[in-house]
Protein backbone atom coordinates (compact mmCIF):
# COMPACT_ATOMS: atom_id res chain seq x y z
CA MET A 1 -36.36 -117.74 -140.26
CA ARG A 2 -36.10 -114.39 -141.98
CA ASN A 3 -39.86 -114.94 -142.94
CA PHE A 4 -40.78 -115.47 -139.44
CA ILE A 5 -39.07 -112.18 -138.38
CA TRP A 6 -40.88 -110.25 -141.05
CA LEU A 7 -44.35 -111.88 -139.52
CA LEU A 8 -43.40 -111.51 -135.97
CA MET A 9 -42.39 -107.80 -136.26
CA PRO A 10 -45.53 -106.00 -137.40
CA SER A 11 -47.30 -108.53 -134.81
CA LEU A 12 -45.45 -106.77 -131.93
CA LEU A 13 -45.72 -103.50 -133.08
CA SER A 14 -49.26 -103.54 -133.23
CA VAL A 15 -49.33 -105.14 -129.71
CA ILE A 16 -47.23 -102.22 -128.35
CA ALA A 17 -49.70 -99.78 -129.83
CA ILE A 18 -52.74 -101.28 -128.46
CA ALA A 19 -51.24 -101.32 -125.20
CA ALA A 20 -50.06 -97.70 -125.13
CA GLU A 21 -51.65 -95.59 -122.74
CA PRO A 22 -54.48 -93.23 -124.06
CA PRO A 23 -54.17 -89.77 -123.36
CA GLN A 24 -55.50 -87.98 -120.35
CA GLN A 25 -58.44 -86.32 -120.61
CA ASN A 26 -58.89 -84.60 -117.37
CA PRO A 27 -58.83 -80.63 -117.45
CA GLU A 28 -57.19 -80.07 -114.32
CA ASP A 29 -54.04 -81.86 -115.77
CA HIS A 30 -53.72 -79.52 -118.39
CA PRO A 31 -51.83 -75.96 -117.86
CA ALA A 32 -54.17 -72.74 -117.91
CA TRP A 33 -52.02 -70.82 -120.34
CA ALA A 34 -52.01 -73.58 -123.02
CA PHE A 35 -55.97 -73.89 -123.37
CA LEU A 36 -57.25 -70.38 -123.27
CA VAL A 37 -60.80 -69.90 -122.74
CA PRO A 38 -62.44 -66.80 -124.47
CA ASP A 39 -64.51 -64.21 -122.14
CA ALA A 40 -67.92 -64.70 -122.04
CA THR A 41 -68.38 -60.72 -122.53
CA PRO A 42 -65.53 -59.36 -124.69
CA PRO A 43 -64.65 -55.44 -124.39
CA ALA A 44 -66.27 -53.72 -127.06
CA GLY A 45 -64.15 -52.72 -129.82
CA THR A 46 -63.48 -49.33 -131.54
CA GLU A 47 -64.75 -48.63 -134.95
CA ALA A 48 -62.58 -46.38 -137.12
CA SER A 49 -64.44 -43.71 -139.09
CA GLY A 50 -62.68 -43.17 -142.22
CA PRO A 51 -59.33 -44.08 -143.56
CA ILE A 52 -56.77 -45.72 -141.32
CA LYS A 53 -52.90 -44.61 -141.61
CA VAL A 54 -50.45 -46.51 -139.87
CA PRO A 55 -47.84 -43.93 -138.57
CA GLY A 56 -44.61 -43.62 -140.54
CA SER A 57 -46.20 -45.01 -143.52
CA THR A 58 -47.47 -43.52 -146.72
CA LYS A 59 -50.18 -46.03 -147.25
CA THR A 60 -54.06 -45.76 -146.32
CA ILE A 61 -56.72 -48.48 -145.58
CA ILE A 62 -60.04 -47.98 -146.18
CA SER A 63 -62.71 -50.08 -144.68
CA HIS A 64 -65.62 -51.25 -146.95
CA ARG A 65 -68.18 -52.05 -144.37
């Protein structure tokens, strides 16, 4: 009886896994905040000319571009 239970348990678990519902793929089911779409035309960035210094800090960052 013990061996039968050990054989029965994996088969029952596999049947449950196969019968499980697949995840939904409809985009209207997803919340808009969770899947952000980047803008087609992002805003232009500003390039820093010279060293960058954070207010209140003594450190300076130099960009090597």
